[in-house]
């Protein structure tokens, strides 16, 4: 069993400051993670919306394919 070490007030204050800094950094990381998860959900919704709009566009065309005019280069 390791020996117990006693700390003076100054050392305890330094440890508490480091712990506070770590807590603040963890809060920042958690906040960023929350935002990132929100962006993932938005990206999924946009992808679904895009697929739906493409399906509607092709349905509106019916049997006829799209009329595409190509520019002549040269």
PDB file of N, CA and C in Angstrom:
ATOM      1  N   UNK A   1       0.847  -1.174   0.000  1.00  0.00           N
ATOM      2  CA  UNK A   1       0.000   0.000   0.000  1.00  0.00           C
ATOM      3  C   UNK A   1       0.894   1.240   0.000  1.00  0.00           C
ATOM      4  N   UNK A   2       0.645   2.179  -0.948  1.00  0.00           N
ATOM      5  CA  UNK A   2       1.502   3.365  -1.019  1.00  0.00           C
ATOM      6  C   UNK A   2       1.312   4.266   0.198  1.00  0.00           C
ATOM      7  N   UNK A   3       2.370   5.010   0.473  1.00  0.00           N
ATOM      8  CA  UNK A   3       2.301   5.951   1.598  1.00  0.00           C
ATOM      9  C   UNK A   3       1.365   7.096   1.287  1.00  0.00           C
ATOM     10  N   UNK A   4       0.677   7.574   2.298  1.00  0.00           N
ATOM     11  CA  UNK A   4      -0.178   8.750   2.141  1.00  0.00           C
ATOM     12  C   UNK A   4       0.695   9.974   2.298  1.00  0.00           C
ATOM     13  N   UNK A   5       0.455  10.919   1.437  1.00  0.00           N
ATOM     14  CA  UNK A   5       1.242  12.133   1.441  1.00  0.00           C
ATOM     15  C   UNK A   5       0.356  13.282   1.853  1.00  0.00           C
ATOM     16  N   UNK A   6       0.840  14.150   2.656  1.00  0.00           N
ATOM     17  CA  UNK A   6       0.026  15.299   3.049  1.00  0.00           C
ATOM     18  C   UNK A   6       0.424  16.500   2.192  1.00  0.00           C
ATOM     19  N   UNK A   7      -0.564  17.302   1.852  1.00  0.00           N
ATOM     20  CA  UNK A   7      -0.360  18.475   1.018  1.00  0.00           C
ATOM     21  C   UNK A   7      -0.629  19.720   1.844  1.00  0.00           C
ATOM     22  N   UNK A   8       0.129  20.766   1.535  1.00  0.00           N
ATOM     23  CA  UNK A   8      -0.157  22.024   2.206  1.00  0.00           C
ATOM     24  C   UNK A   8      -1.229  22.778   1.406  1.00  0.00           C
ATOM     25  N   UNK A   9      -1.688  23.888   1.924  1.00  0.00           N
ATOM     26  CA  UNK A   9      -2.777  24.650   1.299  1.00  0.00           C
ATOM     27  C   UNK A   9      -2.420  25.107  -0.110  1.00  0.00           C
ATOM     28  N   UNK A  10      -1.187  25.521  -0.298  1.00  0.00           N
ATOM     29  CA  UNK A  10      -0.777  26.002  -1.614  1.00  0.00           C
ATOM     30  C   UNK A  10      -0.843  24.879  -2.652  1.00  0.00           C
ATOM     31  N   UNK A  11      -0.400  23.691  -2.287  1.00  0.00           N
ATOM     32  CA  UNK A  11      -0.446  22.562  -3.201  1.00  0.00           C
ATOM     33  C   UNK A  11      -1.891  22.155  -3.499  1.00  0.00           C
ATOM     34  N   UNK A  12      -2.725  22.166  -2.492  1.00  0.00           N
ATOM     35  CA  UNK A  12      -4.137  21.838  -2.704  1.00  0.00           C
ATOM     36  C   UNK A  12      -4.814  22.861  -3.618  1.00  0.00           C
ATOM     37  N   UNK A  13      -4.485  24.127  -3.451  1.00  0.00           N
ATOM     38  CA  UNK A  13      -5.040  25.161  -4.327  1.00  0.00           C
ATOM     39  C   UNK A  13      -4.605  24.937  -5.765  1.00  0.00           C
ATOM     40  N   UNK A  14      -3.340  24.561  -5.966  1.00  0.00           N
ATOM     41  CA  UNK A  14      -2.843  24.301  -7.316  1.00  0.00           C
ATOM     42  C   UNK A  14      -3.573  23.116  -7.938  1.00  0.00           C
ATOM     43  N   UNK A  15      -3.786  22.071  -7.145  1.00  0.00           N
ATOM     44  CA  UNK A  15      -4.516  20.897  -7.648  1.00  0.00           C
ATOM     45  C   UNK A  15      -5.951  21.275  -8.001  1.00  0.00           C
ATOM     46  N   UNK A  16      -6.592  22.066  -7.139  1.00  0.00           N
ATOM     47  CA  UNK A  16      -7.970  22.486  -7.418  1.00  0.00           C
ATOM     48  C   UNK A  16      -8.050  23.347  -8.675  1.00  0.00           C
ATOM     49  N   UNK A  17      -7.070  24.202  -8.900  1.00  0.00           N
ATOM     50  CA  UNK A  17      -7.055  25.020 -10.116  1.00  0.00           C
ATOM     51  C   UNK A  17      -6.940  24.143 -11.350  1.00  0.00           C
ATOM     52  N   UNK A  18      -6.091  23.131 -11.277  1.00  0.00           N
ATOM     53  CA  UNK A  18      -5.950  22.217 -12.414  1.00  0.00           C
ATOM     54  C   UNK A  18      -7.237  21.442 -12.655  1.00  0.00           C
ATOM     55  N   UNK A  19      -7.856  21.003 -11.580  1.00  0.00           N
ATOM     56  CA  UNK A  19      -9.131  20.296 -11.726  1.00  0.00           C
ATOM     57  C   UNK A  19     -10.211  21.199 -12.320  1.00  0.00           C
ATOM     58  N   UNK A  20     -10.251  22.446 -11.902  1.00  0.00           N
ATOM     59  CA  UNK A  20     -11.215  23.399 -12.469  1.00  0.00           C
ATOM     60  C   UNK A  20     -10.961  23.605 -13.958  1.00  0.00           C
ATOM     61  N   UNK A  21      -9.686  23.711 -14.331  1.00  0.00           N
ATOM     62  CA  UNK A  21      -9.345  23.885 -15.749  1.00  0.00           C
ATOM     63  C   UNK A  21      -9.772  22.659 -16.553  1.00  0.00           C
ATOM     64  N   UNK A  22      -9.561  21.469 -16.007  1.00  0.00           N
ATOM     65  CA  UNK A  22      -9.989  20.242 -16.679  1.00  0.00           C
ATOM     66  C   UNK A  22     -11.507  20.186 -16.819  1.00  0.00           C
ATOM     67  N   UNK A  23     -12.215  20.590 -15.769  1.00  0.00           N
ATOM     68  CA  UNK A  23     -13.678  20.601 -15.822  1.00  0.00           C
ATOM     69  C   UNK A  23     -14.173  21.556 -16.912  1.00  0.00           C
ATOM     70  N   UNK A  24     -13.556  22.738 -16.987  1.00  0.00           N
ATOM     71  CA  UNK A  24     -13.949  23.708 -18.016  1.00  0.00           C
ATOM     72  C   UNK A  24     -13.699  23.151 -19.416  1.00  0.00           C
ATOM     73  N   UNK A  25     -12.566  22.493 -19.591  1.00  0.00           N
ATOM     74  CA  UNK A  25     -12.249  21.920 -20.905  1.00  0.00           C
ATOM     75  C   UNK A  25     -13.236  20.810 -21.265  1.00  0.00           C
ATOM     76  N   UNK A  26     -13.601  19.986 -20.302  1.00  0.00           N
ATOM     77  CA  UNK A  26     -14.591  18.939 -20.554  1.00  0.00           C
ATOM     78  C   UNK A  26     -15.953  19.529 -20.918  1.00  0.00           C
ATOM     79  N   UNK A  27     -16.322  20.609 -20.255  1.00  0.00           N
ATOM     80  CA  UNK A  27     -17.591  21.267 -20.599  1.00  0.00           C
ATOM     81  C   UNK A  27     -17.553  21.796 -22.029  1.00  0.00           C
ATOM     82  N   UNK A  28     -16.427  22.385 -22.424  1.00  0.00           N
ATOM     83  CA  UNK A  28     -16.290  22.873 -23.799  1.00  0.00           C
ATOM     84  C   UNK A  28     -16.377  21.731 -24.806  1.00  0.00           C
ATOM     85  N   UNK A  29     -15.702  20.627 -24.506  1.00  0.00           N
ATOM     86  CA  UNK A  29     -15.739  19.474 -25.410  1.00  0.00           C
ATOM     87  C   UNK A  29     -17.158  18.905 -25.509  1.00  0.00           C
ATOM     88  N   UNK A  30     -17.856  18.825 -24.391  1.00  0.00           N
ATOM     89  CA  UNK A  30     -19.234  18.331 -24.412  1.00  0.00           C
ATOM     90  C   UNK A  30     -20.148  19.245 -25.219  1.00  0.00           C
ATOM     91  N   UNK A  31     -19.941  20.548 -25.089  1.00  0.00           N
ATOM     92  CA  UNK A  31     -20.738  21.508 -25.856  1.00  0.00           C
ATOM     93  C   UNK A  31     -20.491  21.324 -27.354  1.00  0.00           C
ATOM     94  N   UNK A  32     -19.227  21.165 -27.727  1.00  0.00           N
ATOM     95  CA  UNK A  32     -18.901  20.945 -29.150  1.00  0.00           C
ATOM     96  C   UNK A  32     -19.511  19.648 -29.654  1.00  0.00           C
ATOM     97  N   UNK A  33     -19.442  18.616 -28.835  1.00  0.00           N
ATOM     98  CA  UNK A  33     -20.016  17.329 -29.225  1.00  0.00           C
ATOM     99  C   UNK A  33     -21.520  17.445 -29.427  1.00  0.00           C
ATOM    100  N   UNK A  34     -22.187  18.172 -28.552  1.00  0.00           N
ATOM    101  CA  UNK A  34     -23.632  18.380 -28.707  1.00  0.00           C
ATOM    102  C   UNK A  34     -23.945  19.069 -30.023  1.00  0.00           C
ATOM    103  N   UNK A  35     -23.152  20.084 -30.384  1.00  0.00           N
ATOM    104  CA  UNK A  35     -23.360  20.787 -31.649  1.00  0.00           C
ATOM    105  C   UNK A  35     -23.099  19.862 -32.831  1.00  0.00           C
ATOM    106  N   UNK A  36     -22.060  19.052 -32.727  1.00  0.00           N
ATOM    107  CA  UNK A  36     -21.720  18.131 -33.809  1.00  0.00           C
ATOM    108  C   UNK A  36     -22.842  17.132 -34.037  1.00  0.00           C
ATOM    109  N   UNK A  37     -23.405  16.602 -32.952  1.00  0.00           N
ATOM    110  CA  UNK A  37     -24.516  15.657 -33.087  1.00  0.00           C
ATOM    111  C   UNK A  37     -25.706  16.332 -33.763  1.00  0.00           C
ATOM    112  N   UNK A  38     -25.917  17.614 -33.462  1.00  0.00           N
ATOM    113  CA  UNK A  38     -26.996  18.359 -34.127  1.00  0.00           C
ATOM    114  C   UNK A  38     -26.744  18.499 -35.614  1.00  0.00           C
ATOM    115  N   UNK A  39     -25.491  18.734 -36.006  1.00  0.00           N
ATOM    116  CA  UNK A  39     -25.145  18.864 -37.420  1.00  0.00           C
ATOM    117  C   UNK A  39     -25.328  17.546 -38.159  1.00  0.00           C
ATOM    118  N   UNK A  40     -25.026  16.438 -37.494  1.00  0.00           N
ATOM    119  CA  UNK A  40     -25.215  15.131 -38.110  1.00  0.00           C
ATOM    120  C   UNK A  40     -26.693  14.906 -38.393  1.00  0.00           C
ATOM    121  N   UNK A  41     -27.554  15.272 -37.459  1.00  0.00           N
ATOM    122  CA  UNK A  41     -29.002  15.123 -37.653  1.00  0.00           C
ATOM    123  C   UNK A  41     -29.491  16.016 -38.791  1.00  0.00           C
ATOM    124  N   UNK A  42     -28.995  17.245 -38.854  1.00  0.00           N
ATOM    125  CA  UNK A  42     -29.388  18.162 -39.934  1.00  0.00           C
ATOM    126  C   UNK A  42     -28.940  17.615 -41.286  1.00  0.00           C
ATOM    127  N   UNK A  43     -27.711  17.092 -41.354  1.00  0.00           N
ATOM    128  CA  UNK A  43     -27.208  16.525 -42.611  1.00  0.00           C
ATOM    129  C   UNK A  43     -28.073  15.345 -43.056  1.00  0.00           C
ATOM    130  N   UNK A  44     -28.487  14.520 -42.119  1.00  0.00           N
ATOM    131  CA  UNK A  44     -29.358  13.384 -42.458  1.00  0.00           C
ATOM    132  C   UNK A  44     -30.700  13.880 -43.003  1.00  0.00           C
ATOM    133  N   UNK A  45     -31.273  14.868 -42.347  1.00  0.00           N
ATOM    134  CA  UNK A  45     -32.557  15.411 -42.805  1.00  0.00           C
ATOM    135  C   UNK A  45     -32.433  16.033 -44.190  1.00  0.00           C
ATOM    136  N   UNK A  46     -31.337  16.747 -44.436  1.00  0.00           N
ATOM    137  CA  UNK A  46     -31.137  17.348 -45.759  1.00  0.00           C
ATOM    138  C   UNK A  46     -30.971  16.283 -46.846  1.00  0.00           C
ATOM    139  N   UNK A  47     -30.262  15.211 -46.520  1.00  0.00           N
ATOM    140  CA  UNK A  47     -30.083  14.121 -47.478  1.00  0.00           C
ATOM    141  C   UNK A  47     -31.430  13.488 -47.822  1.00  0.00           C
ATOM    142  N   UNK A  48     -32.264  13.282 -46.798  1.00  0.00           N
ATOM    143  CA  UNK A  48     -33.595  12.713 -47.019  1.00  0.00           C
ATOM    144  C   UNK A  48     -34.451  13.651 -47.856  1.00  0.00           C
ATOM    145  N   UNK A  49     -34.396  14.935 -47.553  1.00  0.00           N
ATOM    146  CA  UNK A  49     -35.152  15.928 -48.322  1.00  0.00           C
ATOM    147  C   UNK A  49     -34.700  15.954 -49.777  1.00  0.00           C
ATOM    148  N   UNK A  50     -33.392  15.901 -50.004  1.00  0.00           N
ATOM    149  CA  UNK A  50     -32.861  15.902 -51.365  1.00  0.00           C
ATOM    150  C   UNK A  50     -33.357  14.683 -52.146  1.00  0.00           C
ATOM    151  N   UNK A  51     -33.345  13.515 -51.512  1.00  0.00           N
ATOM    152  CA  UNK A  51     -33.835  12.303 -52.184  1.00  0.00           C
ATOM    153  C   UNK A  51     -35.315  12.426 -52.515  1.00  0.00           C
ATOM    154  N   UNK A  52     -36.081  13.001 -51.622  1.00  0.00           N
ATOM    155  CA  UNK A  52     -37.517  13.182 -51.872  1.00  0.00           C
ATOM    156  C   UNK A  52     -37.750  14.147 -53.019  1.00  0.00           C
ATOM    157  N   UNK A  53     -36.991  15.232 -53.044  1.00  0.00           N
ATOM    158  CA  UNK A  53     -37.140  16.207 -54.137  1.00  0.00           C
ATOM    159  C   UNK A  53     -36.740  15.602 -55.481  1.00  0.00           C
ATOM    160  N   UNK A  54     -35.707  14.780 -55.486  1.00  0.00           N
ATOM    161  CA  UNK A  54     -35.317  14.114 -56.733  1.00  0.00           C
ATOM    162  C   UNK A  54     -36.416  13.164 -57.205  1.00  0.00           C
ATOM    163  N   UNK A  55     -37.012  12.424 -56.276  1.00  0.00           N
ATOM    164  CA  UNK A  55     -38.091  11.510 -56.639  1.00  0.00           C
ATOM    165  C   UNK A  55     -39.280  12.280 -57.206  1.00  0.00           C
ATOM    166  N   UNK A  56     -39.607  13.418 -56.595  1.00  0.00           N
ATOM    167  CA  UNK A  56     -40.708  14.245 -57.107  1.00  0.00           C
ATOM    168  C   UNK A  56     -40.391  14.802 -58.494  1.00  0.00           C
ATOM    169  N   UNK A  57     -39.157  15.215 -58.696  1.00  0.00           N
ATOM    170  CA  UNK A  57     -38.766  15.760 -60.001  1.00  0.00           C
ATOM    171  C   UNK A  57     -38.886  14.699 -61.083  1.00  0.00           C
ATOM    172  N   UNK A  58     -38.420  13.483 -60.815  1.00  0.00           N
ATOM    173  CA  UNK A  58     -38.535  12.420 -61.811  1.00  0.00           C
ATOM    174  C   UNK A  58     -39.984  12.013 -62.021  1.00  0.00           C
ATOM    175  N   UNK A  59     -40.795  12.045 -60.969  1.00  0.00           N
ATOM    176  CA  UNK A  59     -42.210  11.726 -61.116  1.00  0.00           C
ATOM    177  C   UNK A  59     -42.910  12.780 -61.965  1.00  0.00           C
ATOM    178  N   UNK A  60     -42.507  14.031 -61.835  1.00  0.00           N
ATOM    179  CA  UNK A  60     -43.118  15.108 -62.612  1.00  0.00           C
ATOM    180  C   UNK A  60     -42.772  14.983 -64.089  1.00  0.00           C
ATOM    181  N   UNK A  61     -41.616  14.391 -64.388  1.00  0.00           N
ATOM    182  CA  UNK A  61     -41.235  14.215 -65.786  1.00  0.00           C
ATOM    183  C   UNK A  61     -42.077  13.150 -66.470  1.00  0.00           C
ATOM    184  N   UNK A  62     -42.601  12.230 -65.703  1.00  0.00           N
ATOM    185  CA  UNK A  62     -43.423  11.164 -66.271  1.00  0.00           C
ATOM    186  C   UNK A  62     -42.580  10.243 -67.127  1.00  0.00           C
ATOM    187  N   UNK A  63     -43.157   9.824 -68.269  1.00  0.00           N
ATOM    188  CA  UNK A  63     -42.471   8.902 -69.168  1.00  0.00           C
ATOM    189  C   UNK A  63     -41.383   9.600 -69.973  1.00  0.00           C
ATOM    190  N   UNK A  64     -41.508  10.907 -70.089  1.00  0.00           N
ATOM    191  CA  UNK A  64     -40.577  11.670 -70.914  1.00  0.00           C
ATOM    192  C   UNK A  64     -39.305  11.972 -70.115  1.00  0.00           C
ATOM    193  N   UNK A  65     -38.185  11.759 -70.737  1.00  0.00           N
ATOM    194  CA  UNK A  65     -36.918  12.078 -70.088  1.00  0.00           C
ATOM    195  C   UNK A  65     -36.682  13.576 -70.091  1.00  0.00           C
ATOM    196  N   UNK A  66     -35.720  14.036 -69.383  1.00  0.00           N
ATOM    197  CA  UNK A  66     -35.439  15.472 -69.340  1.00  0.00           C
ATOM    198  C   UNK A  66     -34.883  15.969 -70.667  1.00  0.00           C
ATOM    199  N   UNK A  67     -35.273  17.173 -71.017  1.00  0.00           N
ATOM    200  CA  UNK A  67     -34.759  17.808 -72.232  1.00  0.00           C
ATOM    201  C   UNK A  67     -33.491  18.562 -71.870  1.00  0.00           C
ATOM    202  N   UNK A  68     -32.378  18.045 -72.317  1.00  0.00           N
ATOM    203  CA  UNK A  68     -31.093  18.655 -71.984  1.00  0.00           C
ATOM    204  C   UNK A  68     -30.477  19.211 -73.249  1.00  0.00           C
ATOM    205  N   UNK A  69     -30.152  20.455 -73.222  1.00  0.00           N
ATOM    206  CA  UNK A  69     -29.476  21.081 -74.369  1.00  0.00           C
ATOM    207  C   UNK A  69     -28.013  21.273 -74.006  1.00  0.00           C
ATOM    208  N   UNK A  70     -27.178  20.779 -74.843  1.00  0.00           N
ATOM    209  CA  UNK A  70     -25.743  20.899 -74.582  1.00  0.00           C
ATOM    210  C   UNK A  70     -25.189  22.073 -75.379  1.00  0.00           C
ATOM    211  N   UNK A  71     -24.293  22.765 -74.747  1.00  0.00           N
ATOM    212  CA  UNK A  71     -23.628  23.875 -75.439  1.00  0.00           C
ATOM    213  C   UNK A  71     -22.538  23.318 -76.335  1.00  0.00           C
ATOM    214  N   UNK A  72     -22.396  23.948 -77.452  1.00  0.00           N
ATOM    215  CA  UNK A  72     -21.316  23.544 -78.331  1.00  0.00           C
ATOM    216  C   UNK A  72     -20.042  24.267 -77.906  1.00  0.00           C
ATOM    217  N   UNK A  73     -19.013  23.516 -77.762  1.00  0.00           N
ATOM    218  CA  UNK A  73     -17.727  24.124 -77.379  1.00  0.00           C
ATOM    219  C   UNK A  73     -16.849  24.201 -78.612  1.00  0.00           C
ATOM    220  N   UNK A  74     -16.020  25.201 -78.630  1.00  0.00           N
ATOM    221  CA  UNK A  74     -15.073  25.246 -79.727  1.00  0.00           C
ATOM    222  C   UNK A  74     -15.006  26.541 -80.430  1.00  0.00           C
TER     223      UNK A  74
END
